[in-house]
PDB file of all heavy atoms in Angstrom:
ATOM      1  N   ARG A   1      -2.456  -8.732  -2.565  1.00  0.00           N
ATOM      2  CA  ARG A   1      -1.881  -7.478  -2.091  1.00  0.00           C
ATOM      3  C   ARG A   1      -2.987  -6.580  -1.529  1.00  0.00           C
ATOM      4  O   ARG A   1      -4.014  -6.373  -2.174  1.00  0.00           O
ATOM      5  CB  ARG A   1      -1.191  -6.752  -3.243  1.00  0.00           C
ATOM      6  CG  ARG A   1      -0.671  -5.358  -2.896  1.00  0.00           C
ATOM      7  CD  ARG A   1       0.069  -4.712  -4.052  1.00  0.00           C
ATOM      8  NE  ARG A   1      -0.741  -4.614  -5.256  1.00  0.00           N
ATOM      9  CZ  ARG A   1      -0.564  -5.378  -6.333  1.00  0.00           C
ATOM     10  NH1 ARG A   1       0.388  -6.286  -6.357  1.00  0.00           N
ATOM     11  NH2 ARG A   1      -1.348  -5.231  -7.379  1.00  0.00           N
ATOM     12  N   MET A   2      -2.789  -6.072  -0.331  1.00  0.00           N
ATOM     13  CA  MET A   2      -3.736  -5.138   0.277  1.00  0.00           C
ATOM     14  C   MET A   2      -3.196  -3.729   0.127  1.00  0.00           C
ATOM     15  O   MET A   2      -2.085  -3.428   0.561  1.00  0.00           O
ATOM     16  CB  MET A   2      -3.931  -5.449   1.761  1.00  0.00           C
ATOM     17  CG  MET A   2      -5.000  -4.593   2.410  1.00  0.00           C
ATOM     18  SD  MET A   2      -4.989  -4.707   4.224  1.00  0.00           S
ATOM     19  CE  MET A   2      -3.864  -3.392   4.644  1.00  0.00           C
ATOM     20  N   LYS A   3      -3.988  -2.866  -0.485  1.00  0.00           N
ATOM     21  CA  LYS A   3      -3.601  -1.457  -0.655  1.00  0.00           C
ATOM     22  C   LYS A   3      -4.440  -0.597   0.261  1.00  0.00           C
ATOM     23  O   LYS A   3      -5.643  -0.806   0.416  1.00  0.00           O
ATOM     24  CB  LYS A   3      -3.780  -1.049  -2.121  1.00  0.00           C
ATOM     25  CG  LYS A   3      -3.643   0.475  -2.361  1.00  0.00           C
ATOM     26  CD  LYS A   3      -4.999   1.166  -2.337  1.00  0.00           C
ATOM     27  CE  LYS A   3      -4.862   2.679  -2.304  1.00  0.00           C
ATOM     28  NZ  LYS A   3      -6.179   3.353  -2.178  1.00  0.00           N
ATOM     29  N   THR A   4      -3.788   0.412   0.869  1.00  0.00           N
ATOM     30  CA  THR A   4      -4.547   1.385   1.648  1.00  0.00           C
ATOM     31  C   THR A   4      -3.809   2.694   1.690  1.00  0.00           C
ATOM     32  O   THR A   4      -2.589   2.741   1.529  1.00  0.00           O
ATOM     33  CB  THR A   4      -4.812   0.861   3.086  1.00  0.00           C
ATOM     34  OG1 THR A   4      -5.758   1.713   3.730  1.00  0.00           O
ATOM     35  CG2 THR A   4      -3.517   0.835   3.900  1.00  0.00           C
ATOM     36  N   ALA A   5      -4.555   3.778   1.886  1.00  0.00           N
ATOM     37  CA  ALA A   5      -3.992   5.110   2.073  1.00  0.00           C
ATOM     38  C   ALA A   5      -4.202   5.493   3.537  1.00  0.00           C
ATOM     39  O   ALA A   5      -5.324   5.379   4.048  1.00  0.00           O
ATOM     40  CB  ALA A   5      -4.656   6.121   1.147  1.00  0.00           C
ATOM     41  N   VAL A   6      -3.127   5.929   4.207  1.00  0.00           N
ATOM     42  CA  VAL A   6      -3.211   6.209   5.635  1.00  0.00           C
ATOM     43  C   VAL A   6      -2.520   7.525   5.974  1.00  0.00           C
ATOM     44  O   VAL A   6      -1.633   7.993   5.262  1.00  0.00           O
ATOM     45  CB  VAL A   6      -2.576   5.076   6.471  1.00  0.00           C
ATOM     46  CG1 VAL A   6      -3.345   3.786   6.321  1.00  0.00           C
ATOM     47  CG2 VAL A   6      -1.123   4.877   6.129  1.00  0.00           C
ATOM     48  N   THR A   7      -2.934   8.113   7.095  1.00  0.00           N
ATOM     49  CA  THR A   7      -2.272   9.285   7.642  1.00  0.00           C
ATOM     50  C   THR A   7      -1.086   8.824   8.478  1.00  0.00           C
ATOM     51  O   THR A   7      -0.899   7.631   8.734  1.00  0.00           O
ATOM     52  CB  THR A   7      -3.246  10.069   8.525  1.00  0.00           C
ATOM     53  OG1 THR A   7      -3.647   9.249   9.609  1.00  0.00           O
ATOM     54  CG2 THR A   7      -4.476  10.497   7.733  1.00  0.00           C
ATOM     55  N   LEU A   8      -0.291   9.783   8.943  1.00  0.00           N
ATOM     56  CA  LEU A   8       0.854   9.434   9.765  1.00  0.00           C
ATOM     57  C   LEU A   8       0.447   8.768  11.086  1.00  0.00           C
ATOM     58  O   LEU A   8       1.219   7.994  11.655  1.00  0.00           O
ATOM     59  CB  LEU A   8       1.699  10.666  10.058  1.00  0.00           C
ATOM     60  CG  LEU A   8       2.436  11.285   8.858  1.00  0.00           C
ATOM     61  CD1 LEU A   8       3.186  12.532   9.280  1.00  0.00           C
ATOM     62  CD2 LEU A   8       3.405  10.271   8.247  1.00  0.00           C
ATOM     63  N   ASP A   9      -0.778   9.057  11.544  1.00  0.00           N
ATOM     64  CA  ASP A   9      -1.243   8.391  12.763  1.00  0.00           C
ATOM     65  C   ASP A   9      -2.114   7.168  12.461  1.00  0.00           C
ATOM     66  O   ASP A   9      -2.888   6.709  13.291  1.00  0.00           O
ATOM     67  CB  ASP A   9      -1.973   9.371  13.700  1.00  0.00           C
ATOM     68  CG  ASP A   9      -3.106  10.115  13.030  1.00  0.00           C
ATOM     69  OD1 ASP A   9      -3.215  10.061  11.786  1.00  0.00           O
ATOM     70  OD2 ASP A   9      -3.899  10.768  13.755  1.00  0.00           O
ATOM     71  N   GLY A  10      -1.958   6.642  11.246  1.00  0.00           N
ATOM     72  CA  GLY A  10      -2.580   5.351  10.908  1.00  0.00           C
ATOM     73  C   GLY A  10      -4.052   5.365  10.636  1.00  0.00           C
ATOM     74  O   GLY A  10      -4.714   4.328  10.729  1.00  0.00           O
ATOM     75  N   ARG A  11      -4.625   6.504  10.228  1.00  0.00           N
ATOM     76  CA  ARG A  11      -6.060   6.590   9.953  1.00  0.00           C
ATOM     77  C   ARG A  11      -6.328   6.477   8.459  1.00  0.00           C
ATOM     78  O   ARG A  11      -5.639   7.101   7.645  1.00  0.00           O
ATOM     79  CB  ARG A  11      -6.638   7.910  10.478  1.00  0.00           C
ATOM     80  CG  ARG A  11      -6.272   8.234  11.916  1.00  0.00           C
ATOM     81  CD  ARG A  11      -6.771   7.202  12.886  1.00  0.00           C
ATOM     82  NE  ARG A  11      -6.429   7.552  14.254  1.00  0.00           N
ATOM     83  CZ  ARG A  11      -6.756   6.826  15.321  1.00  0.00           C
ATOM     84  NH1 ARG A  11      -7.417   5.690  15.148  1.00  0.00           N
ATOM     85  NH2 ARG A  11      -6.389   7.200  16.528  1.00  0.00           N
ATOM     86  N   THR A  12      -7.327   5.698   8.121  1.00  0.00           N
ATOM     87  CA  THR A  12      -7.717   5.538   6.719  1.00  0.00           C
ATOM     88  C   THR A  12      -8.998   6.306   6.379  1.00  0.00           C
ATOM     89  O   THR A  12      -9.368   6.412   5.213  1.00  0.00           O
ATOM     90  CB  THR A  12      -7.952   4.054   6.388  1.00  0.00           C
ATOM     91  OG1 THR A  12      -9.013   3.536   7.216  1.00  0.00           O
ATOM     92  CG2 THR A  12      -6.690   3.248   6.619  1.00  0.00           C
ATOM     93  N   ALA A  13      -9.684   6.822   7.406  1.00  0.00           N
ATOM     94  CA  ALA A  13     -10.910   7.593   7.200  1.00  0.00           C
ATOM     95  C   ALA A  13     -11.270   8.310   8.487  1.00  0.00           C
ATOM     96  O   ALA A  13     -10.788   7.966   9.583  1.00  0.00           O
ATOM     97  CB  ALA A  13     -12.050   6.658   6.788  1.00  0.00           C
ATOM     98  N   PHE A  14     -12.144   9.314   8.365  1.00  0.00           N
ATOM     99  CA  PHE A  14     -12.697   9.971   9.544  1.00  0.00           C
ATOM    100  C   PHE A  14     -13.584   8.962  10.300  1.00  0.00           C
ATOM    101  O   PHE A  14     -13.974   7.928   9.753  1.00  0.00           O
ATOM    102  CB  PHE A  14     -13.563  11.156   9.103  1.00  0.00           C
ATOM    103  CG  PHE A  14     -12.794  12.416   8.834  1.00  0.00           C
ATOM    104  CD1 PHE A  14     -11.405  12.454   8.878  1.00  0.00           C
ATOM    105  CD2 PHE A  14     -13.458  13.605   8.557  1.00  0.00           C
ATOM    106  CE1 PHE A  14     -10.706  13.601   8.642  1.00  0.00           C
ATOM    107  CE2 PHE A  14     -12.779  14.772   8.311  1.00  0.00           C
ATOM    108  CZ  PHE A  14     -11.401  14.781   8.348  1.00  0.00           C
ATOM    109  N   PRO A  15     -13.934   9.268  11.540  1.00  0.00           N
ATOM    110  CA  PRO A  15     -14.823   8.384  12.270  1.00  0.00           C
ATOM    111  C   PRO A  15     -16.147   8.117  11.552  1.00  0.00           C
ATOM    112  O   PRO A  15     -16.751   7.035  11.719  1.00  0.00           O
ATOM    113  CB  PRO A  15     -15.052   9.110  13.591  1.00  0.00           C
ATOM    114  CG  PRO A  15     -13.801   9.912  13.793  1.00  0.00           C
ATOM    115  CD  PRO A  15     -13.419  10.358  12.412  1.00  0.00           C
ATOM    116  N   ASP A  16     -16.604   9.088  10.743  1.00  0.00           N
ATOM    117  CA  ASP A  16     -17.880   8.892   9.999  1.00  0.00           C
ATOM    118  C   ASP A  16     -17.687   8.199   8.652  1.00  0.00           C
ATOM    119  O   ASP A  16     -18.639   8.037   7.893  1.00  0.00           O
ATOM    120  CB  ASP A  16     -18.593  10.231   9.794  1.00  0.00           C
ATOM    121  CG  ASP A  16     -17.787  11.218   8.950  1.00  0.00           C
ATOM    122  OD1 ASP A  16     -16.714  10.819   8.400  1.00  0.00           O
ATOM    123  OD2 ASP A  16     -18.204  12.379   8.821  1.00  0.00           O
ATOM    124  N   GLY A  17     -16.445   7.786   8.325  1.00  0.00           N
ATOM    125  CA  GLY A  17     -16.189   7.034   7.114  1.00  0.00           C
ATOM    126  C   GLY A  17     -15.653   7.825   5.946  1.00  0.00           C
ATOM    127  O   GLY A  17     -15.232   7.247   4.946  1.00  0.00           O
ATOM    128  N   ARG A  18     -15.654   9.151   6.018  1.00  0.00           N
ATOM    129  CA  ARG A  18     -15.147   9.951   4.916  1.00  0.00           C
ATOM    130  C   ARG A  18     -13.638   9.762   4.747  1.00  0.00           C
ATOM    131  O   ARG A  18     -12.899   9.806   5.723  1.00  0.00           O
ATOM    132  CB  ARG A  18     -15.465  11.434   5.142  1.00  0.00           C
ATOM    133  CG  ARG A  18     -16.934  11.808   4.913  1.00  0.00           C
ATOM    134  CD  ARG A  18     -17.160  13.264   5.192  1.00  0.00           C
ATOM    135  NE  ARG A  18     -16.987  13.567   6.621  1.00  0.00           N
ATOM    136  CZ  ARG A  18     -16.679  14.773   7.088  1.00  0.00           C
ATOM    137  NH1 ARG A  18     -16.455  15.775   6.251  1.00  0.00           N
ATOM    138  NH2 ARG A  18     -16.565  14.972   8.397  1.00  0.00           N
ATOM    139  N   SER A  19     -13.208   9.584   3.477  1.00  0.00           N
ATOM    140  CA  SER A  19     -11.781   9.330   3.232  1.00  0.00           C
ATOM    141  C   SER A  19     -11.251  10.012   1.987  1.00  0.00           C
ATOM    142  O   SER A  19     -10.045   9.892   1.691  1.00  0.00           O
ATOM    143  CB  SER A  19     -11.534   7.827   3.114  1.00  0.00           C
ATOM    144  OG  SER A  19     -12.244   7.285   2.010  1.00  0.00           O
ATOM    145  N   GLN A  20     -12.052  10.697   1.225  1.00  0.00           N
ATOM    146  CA  GLN A  20     -11.608  11.300  -0.035  1.00  0.00           C
ATOM    147  C   GLN A  20     -11.238  12.770   0.167  1.00  0.00           C
ATOM    148  O   GLN A  20     -12.102  13.584   0.500  1.00  0.00           O
ATOM    149  CB  GLN A  20     -12.687  11.168  -1.094  1.00  0.00           C
ATOM    150  CG  GLN A  20     -13.016   9.728  -1.441  1.00  0.00           C
ATOM    151  CD  GLN A  20     -14.101   9.613  -2.492  1.00  0.00           C
ATOM    152  OE1 GLN A  20     -14.840  10.552  -2.769  1.00  0.00           O
ATOM    153  NE2 GLN A  20     -14.229   8.431  -3.073  1.00  0.00           N
ATOM    154  N   TRP A  21      -9.926  13.164  -0.021  1.00  0.00           N
ATOM    155  CA  TRP A  21      -8.851  12.255  -0.380  1.00  0.00           C
ATOM    156  C   TRP A  21      -7.753  12.399   0.661  1.00  0.00           C
ATOM    157  O   TRP A  21      -7.391  13.521   1.050  1.00  0.00           O
ATOM    158  CB  TRP A  21      -8.312  12.547  -1.763  1.00  0.00           C
ATOM    159  CG  TRP A  21      -9.290  12.338  -2.848  1.00  0.00           C
ATOM    160  CD1 TRP A  21      -9.969  13.301  -3.529  1.00  0.00           C
ATOM    161  CD2 TRP A  21      -9.689  11.079  -3.406  1.00  0.00           C
ATOM    162  NE1 TRP A  21     -10.764  12.719  -4.485  1.00  0.00           N
ATOM    163  CE2 TRP A  21     -10.621  11.346  -4.435  1.00  0.00           C
ATOM    164  CE3 TRP A  21      -9.369   9.757  -3.139  1.00  0.00           C
ATOM    165  CZ2 TRP A  21     -11.208  10.357  -5.189  1.00  0.00           C
ATOM    166  CZ3 TRP A  21      -9.954   8.770  -3.892  1.00  0.00           C
ATOM    167  CH2 TRP A  21     -10.857   9.063  -4.913  1.00  0.00           C
ATOM    168  N   ILE A  22      -7.181  11.284   1.088  1.00  0.00           N
ATOM    169  CA  ILE A  22      -6.061  11.316   2.041  1.00  0.00           C
ATOM    170  C   ILE A  22      -4.762  11.642   1.311  1.00  0.00           C
ATOM    171  O   ILE A  22      -3.974  12.468   1.750  1.00  0.00           O
ATOM    172  CB  ILE A  22      -5.953   9.990   2.799  1.00  0.00           C
ATOM    173  CG1 ILE A  22      -7.169   9.809   3.722  1.00  0.00           C
ATOM    174  CG2 ILE A  22      -4.664   9.911   3.593  1.00  0.00           C
ATOM    175  CD1 ILE A  22      -7.211   8.473   4.433  1.00  0.00           C
ATOM    176  N   THR A  23      -4.525  10.987   0.195  1.00  0.00           N
ATOM    177  CA  THR A  23      -3.283  11.179  -0.568  1.00  0.00           C
ATOM    178  C   THR A  23      -3.514  12.118  -1.743  1.00  0.00           C
ATOM    179  O   THR A  23      -4.647  12.423  -2.117  1.00  0.00           O
ATOM    180  CB  THR A  23      -2.754   9.838  -1.078  1.00  0.00           C
ATOM    181  OG1 THR A  23      -3.797   9.185  -1.820  1.00  0.00           O
ATOM    182  CG2 THR A  23      -2.330   8.945   0.079  1.00  0.00           C
ATOM    183  N   GLY A  24      -2.406  12.531  -2.346  1.00  0.00           N
ATOM    184  CA  GLY A  24      -2.470  13.448  -3.477  1.00  0.00           C
ATOM    185  C   GLY A  24      -2.687  12.743  -4.803  1.00  0.00           C
ATOM    186  O   GLY A  24      -2.786  11.512  -4.894  1.00  0.00           O
ATOM    187  N   GLU A  25      -2.733  13.538  -5.868  1.00  0.00           N
ATOM    188  CA  GLU A  25      -3.019  13.016  -7.215  1.00  0.00           C
ATOM    189  C   GLU A  25      -1.974  12.038  -7.681  1.00  0.00           C
ATOM    190  O   GLU A  25      -2.301  11.038  -8.325  1.00  0.00           O
ATOM    191  CB  GLU A  25      -3.147  14.179  -8.204  1.00  0.00           C
ATOM    192  CG  GLU A  25      -4.396  15.052  -8.008  1.00  0.00           C
ATOM    193  CD  GLU A  25      -4.528  16.103  -9.089  1.00  0.00           C
ATOM    194  OE1 GLU A  25      -3.717  16.064 -10.061  1.00  0.00           O
ATOM    195  OE2 GLU A  25      -5.430  16.942  -8.982  1.00  0.00           O
ATOM    196  N   ALA A  26      -0.706  12.288  -7.377  1.00  0.00           N
ATOM    197  CA  ALA A  26       0.366  11.384  -7.852  1.00  0.00           C
ATOM    198  C   ALA A  26       0.213  10.005  -7.257  1.00  0.00           C
ATOM    199  O   ALA A  26       0.359   8.995  -7.947  1.00  0.00           O
ATOM    200  CB  ALA A  26       1.732  11.980  -7.511  1.00  0.00           C
ATOM    201  N   ALA A  27      -0.095   9.926  -5.982  1.00  0.00           N
ATOM    202  CA  ALA A  27      -0.282   8.625  -5.330  1.00  0.00           C
ATOM    203  C   ALA A  27      -1.514   7.914  -5.896  1.00  0.00           C
ATOM    204  O   ALA A  27      -1.482   6.694  -6.125  1.00  0.00           O
ATOM    205  CB  ALA A  27      -0.427   8.805  -3.820  1.00  0.00           C
ATOM    206  N   ARG A  28      -2.574   8.652  -6.131  1.00  0.00           N
ATOM    207  CA  ARG A  28      -3.799   8.031  -6.678  1.00  0.00           C
ATOM    208  C   ARG A  28      -3.553   7.514  -8.095  1.00  0.00           C
ATOM    209  O   ARG A  28      -4.091   6.476  -8.494  1.00  0.00           O
ATOM    210  CB  ARG A  28      -4.955   9.008  -6.631  1.00  0.00           C
ATOM    211  CG  ARG A  28      -5.324   9.452  -5.210  1.00  0.00           C
ATOM    212  CD  ARG A  28      -6.718  10.008  -5.123  1.00  0.00           C
ATOM    213  NE  ARG A  28      -6.910  11.213  -5.906  1.00  0.00           N
ATOM    214  CZ  ARG A  28      -6.622  12.442  -5.495  1.00  0.00           C
ATOM    215  NH1 ARG A  28      -6.093  12.643  -4.294  1.00  0.00           N
ATOM    216  NH2 ARG A  28      -6.850  13.485  -6.264  1.00  0.00           N
ATOM    217  N   ALA A  29      -2.737   8.226  -8.860  1.00  0.00           N
ATOM    218  CA  ALA A  29      -2.388   7.752 -10.196  1.00  0.00           C
ATOM    219  C   ALA A  29      -1.522   6.509 -10.119  1.00  0.00           C
ATOM    220  O   ALA A  29      -1.666   5.587 -10.924  1.00  0.00           O
ATOM    221  CB  ALA A  29      -1.669   8.863 -10.978  1.00  0.00           C
ATOM    222  N   ASP A  30      -0.626   6.471  -9.144  1.00  0.00           N
ATOM    223  CA  ASP A  30       0.241   5.291  -8.965  1.00  0.00           C
ATOM    224  C   ASP A  30      -0.587   4.050  -8.646  1.00  0.00           C
ATOM    225  O   ASP A  30      -0.262   2.954  -9.085  1.00  0.00           O
ATOM    226  CB  ASP A  30       1.237   5.573  -7.841  1.00  0.00           C
ATOM    227  CG  ASP A  30       2.337   4.519  -7.754  1.00  0.00           C
ATOM    228  OD1 ASP A  30       3.140   4.437  -8.710  1.00  0.00           O
ATOM    229  OD2 ASP A  30       2.387   3.798  -6.758  1.00  0.00           O
ATOM    230  N   VAL A  31      -1.648   4.210  -7.889  1.00  0.00           N
ATOM    231  CA  VAL A  31      -2.534   3.080  -7.578  1.00  0.00           C
ATOM    232  C   VAL A  31      -3.095   2.462  -8.835  1.00  0.00           C
ATOM    233  O   VAL A  31      -3.258   1.231  -8.918  1.00  0.00           O
ATOM    234  CB  VAL A  31      -3.679   3.545  -6.646  1.00  0.00           C
ATOM    235  CG1 VAL A  31      -4.721   2.443  -6.479  1.00  0.00           C
ATOM    236  CG2 VAL A  31      -3.130   3.933  -5.276  1.00  0.00           C
ATOM    237  N   GLN A  32      -3.377   3.259  -9.830  1.00  0.00           N
ATOM    238  CA  GLN A  32      -3.931   2.750 -11.073  1.00  0.00           C
ATOM    239  C   GLN A  32      -2.971   1.747 -11.736  1.00  0.00           C
ATOM    240  O   GLN A  32      -3.400   0.760 -12.331  1.00  0.00           O
ATOM    241  CB  GLN A  32      -4.240   3.900 -12.041  1.00  0.00           C
ATOM    242  CG  GLN A  32      -5.344   4.819 -11.575  1.00  0.00           C
ATOM    243  CD  GLN A  32      -6.687   4.139 -11.505  1.00  0.00           C
ATOM    244  OE1 GLN A  32      -7.083   3.408 -12.415  1.00  0.00           O
ATOM    245  NE2 GLN A  32      -7.411   4.359 -10.424  1.00  0.00           N
ATOM    246  N   PHE A  33      -1.678   2.020 -11.636  1.00  0.00           N
ATOM    247  CA  PHE A  33      -0.688   1.087 -12.180  1.00  0.00           C
ATOM    248  C   PHE A  33      -0.770  -0.256 -11.476  1.00  0.00           C
ATOM    249  O   PHE A  33      -0.745  -1.315 -12.109  1.00  0.00           O
ATOM    250  CB  PHE A  33       0.722   1.683 -12.045  1.00  0.00           C
ATOM    251  CG  PHE A  33       1.818   0.679 -12.275  1.00  0.00           C
ATOM    252  CD1 PHE A  33       2.207   0.341 -13.558  1.00  0.00           C
ATOM    253  CD2 PHE A  33       2.433   0.035 -11.209  1.00  0.00           C
ATOM    254  CE1 PHE A  33       3.206  -0.598 -13.776  1.00  0.00           C
ATOM    255  CE2 PHE A  33       3.420  -0.909 -11.409  1.00  0.00           C
ATOM    256  CZ  PHE A  33       3.815  -1.218 -12.704  1.00  0.00           C
ATOM    257  N   TRP A  34      -0.866  -0.225 -10.137  1.00  0.00           N
ATOM    258  CA  TRP A  34      -0.927  -1.485  -9.370  1.00  0.00           C
ATOM    259  C   TRP A  34      -2.228  -2.231  -9.661  1.00  0.00           C
ATOM    260  O   TRP A  34      -2.246  -3.466  -9.723  1.00  0.00           O
ATOM    261  CB  TRP A  34      -0.766  -1.192  -7.892  1.00  0.00           C
ATOM    262  CG  TRP A  34       0.607  -0.734  -7.542  1.00  0.00           C
ATOM    263  CD1 TRP A  34       1.077   0.545  -7.561  1.00  0.00           C
ATOM    264  CD2 TRP A  34       1.725  -1.555  -7.167  1.00  0.00           C
ATOM    265  NE1 TRP A  34       2.412   0.571  -7.207  1.00  0.00           N
ATOM    266  CE2 TRP A  34       2.843  -0.701  -6.975  1.00  0.00           C
ATOM    267  CE3 TRP A  34       1.888  -2.925  -6.977  1.00  0.00           C
ATOM    268  CZ2 TRP A  34       4.089  -1.173  -6.583  1.00  0.00           C
ATOM    269  CZ3 TRP A  34       3.138  -3.406  -6.586  1.00  0.00           C
ATOM    270  CH2 TRP A  34       4.211  -2.542  -6.400  1.00  0.00           C
ATOM    271  N   ARG A  35      -3.314  -1.500  -9.812  1.00  0.00           N
ATOM    272  CA  ARG A  35      -4.560  -2.160 -10.230  1.00  0.00           C
ATOM    273  C   ARG A  35      -4.368  -2.806 -11.607  1.00  0.00           C
ATOM    274  O   ARG A  35      -4.828  -3.916 -11.851  1.00  0.00           O
ATOM    275  CB  ARG A  35      -5.690  -1.128 -10.337  1.00  0.00           C
ATOM    276  CG  ARG A  35      -6.364  -0.702  -9.055  1.00  0.00           C
ATOM    277  CD  ARG A  35      -7.583   0.143  -9.404  1.00  0.00           C
ATOM    278  NE  ARG A  35      -8.196   0.747  -8.248  1.00  0.00           N
ATOM    279  CZ  ARG A  35      -9.291   1.486  -8.295  1.00  0.00           C
ATOM    280  NH1 ARG A  35      -9.867   1.723  -9.471  1.00  0.00           N
ATOM    281  NH2 ARG A  35      -9.802   2.020  -7.211  1.00  0.00           N
ATOM    282  N   GLY A  36      -3.719  -2.073 -12.491  1.00  0.00           N
ATOM    283  CA  GLY A  36      -3.607  -2.520 -13.871  1.00  0.00           C
ATOM    284  C   GLY A  36      -2.827  -3.805 -14.058  1.00  0.00           C
ATOM    285  O   GLY A  36      -3.039  -4.530 -15.017  1.00  0.00           O
ATOM    286  N   ARG A  37      -1.914  -4.124 -13.129  1.00  0.00           N
ATOM    287  CA  ARG A  37      -1.147  -5.360 -13.275  1.00  0.00           C
ATOM    288  C   ARG A  37      -1.843  -6.544 -12.631  1.00  0.00           C
ATOM    289  O   ARG A  37      -1.413  -7.681 -12.792  1.00  0.00           O
ATOM    290  CB  ARG A  37       0.255  -5.192 -12.702  1.00  0.00           C
ATOM    291  CG  ARG A  37       0.314  -4.744 -11.255  1.00  0.00           C
ATOM    292  CD  ARG A  37       1.745  -4.628 -10.755  1.00  0.00           C
ATOM    293  NE  ARG A  37       2.280  -5.903 -10.391  1.00  0.00           N
ATOM    294  CZ  ARG A  37       3.514  -6.107  -9.939  1.00  0.00           C
ATOM    295  NH1 ARG A  37       4.344  -5.092  -9.824  1.00  0.00           N
ATOM    296  NH2 ARG A  37       3.935  -7.320  -9.619  1.00  0.00           N
ATOM    297  N   ALA A  38      -2.920  -6.294 -11.869  1.00  0.00           N
ATOM    298  CA  ALA A  38      -3.628  -7.365 -11.174  1.00  0.00           C
ATOM    299  C   ALA A  38      -4.584  -8.097 -12.101  1.00  0.00           C
ATOM    300  O   ALA A  38      -5.048  -7.571 -13.111  1.00  0.00           O
ATOM    301  CB  ALA A  38      -4.397  -6.791  -9.982  1.00  0.00           C
ATOM    302  N   GLY A  39      -4.896  -9.341 -11.723  1.00  0.00           N
ATOM    303  CA  GLY A  39      -5.912 -10.095 -12.445  1.00  0.00           C
ATOM    304  C   GLY A  39      -7.296  -9.826 -11.934  1.00  0.00           C
ATOM    305  O   GLY A  39      -8.297 -10.017 -12.629  1.00  0.00           O
ATOM    306  N   ALA A  40      -7.385  -9.344 -10.670  1.00  0.00           N
ATOM    307  CA  ALA A  40      -8.666  -9.023 -10.057  1.00  0.00           C
ATOM    308  C   ALA A  40      -8.472  -7.943  -9.024  1.00  0.00           C
ATOM    309  O   ALA A  40      -7.457  -7.899  -8.322  1.00  0.00           O
ATOM    310  CB  ALA A  40      -9.287 -10.260  -9.403  1.00  0.00           C
ATOM    311  N   VAL A  41      -9.458  -7.036  -8.927  1.00  0.00           N
ATOM    312  CA  VAL A  41      -9.516  -6.018  -7.885  1.00  0.00           C
ATOM    313  C   VAL A  41     -10.664  -6.399  -6.960  1.00  0.00           C
ATOM    314  O   VAL A  41     -11.771  -6.662  -7.428  1.00  0.00           O
ATOM    315  CB  VAL A  41      -9.732  -4.614  -8.485  1.00  0.00           C
ATOM    316  CG1 VAL A  41      -9.854  -3.568  -7.367  1.00  0.00           C
ATOM    317  CG2 VAL A  41      -8.606  -4.250  -9.430  1.00  0.00           C
ATOM    318  N   LEU A  42     -10.384  -6.433  -5.657  1.00  0.00           N
ATOM    319  CA  LEU A  42     -11.359  -6.948  -4.694  1.00  0.00           C
ATOM    320  C   LEU A  42     -11.697  -5.902  -3.651  1.00  0.00           C
ATOM    321  O   LEU A  42     -10.810  -5.199  -3.147  1.00  0.00           O
ATOM    322  CB  LEU A  42     -10.789  -8.198  -4.014  1.00  0.00           C
ATOM    323  CG  LEU A  42     -11.685  -8.964  -3.030  1.00  0.00           C
ATOM    324  CD1 LEU A  42     -11.372 -10.464  -3.079  1.00  0.00           C
ATOM    325  CD2 LEU A  42     -11.495  -8.459  -1.603  1.00  0.00           C
ATOM    326  N   THR A  43     -12.982  -5.790  -3.317  1.00  0.00           N
ATOM    327  CA  THR A  43     -13.424  -4.907  -2.244  1.00  0.00           C
ATOM    328  C   THR A  43     -14.609  -5.549  -1.553  1.00  0.00           C
ATOM    329  O   THR A  43     -15.046  -6.644  -1.899  1.00  0.00           O
ATOM    330  CB  THR A  43     -13.773  -3.512  -2.784  1.00  0.00           C
ATOM    331  OG1 THR A  43     -13.870  -2.584  -1.701  1.00  0.00           O
ATOM    332  CG2 THR A  43     -15.090  -3.522  -3.551  1.00  0.00           C
ATOM    333  N   GLY A  44     -15.138  -4.845  -0.535  1.00  0.00           N
ATOM    334  CA  GLY A  44     -16.273  -5.345   0.218  1.00  0.00           C
ATOM    335  C   GLY A  44     -17.515  -4.515  -0.017  1.00  0.00           C
ATOM    336  O   GLY A  44     -17.450  -3.380  -0.519  1.00  0.00           O
TER     337      GLY A  44
END
């Protein structure tokens, strides 16, 4: 499963890479649930 937070125009970060925070606290808390059910969390 690929998770991402995006704006309405499909942006995940500013051109310089800054992204904290696009979504609100409730969405960020919800992500923790999805992490919690996974066997592994993967990033680059």
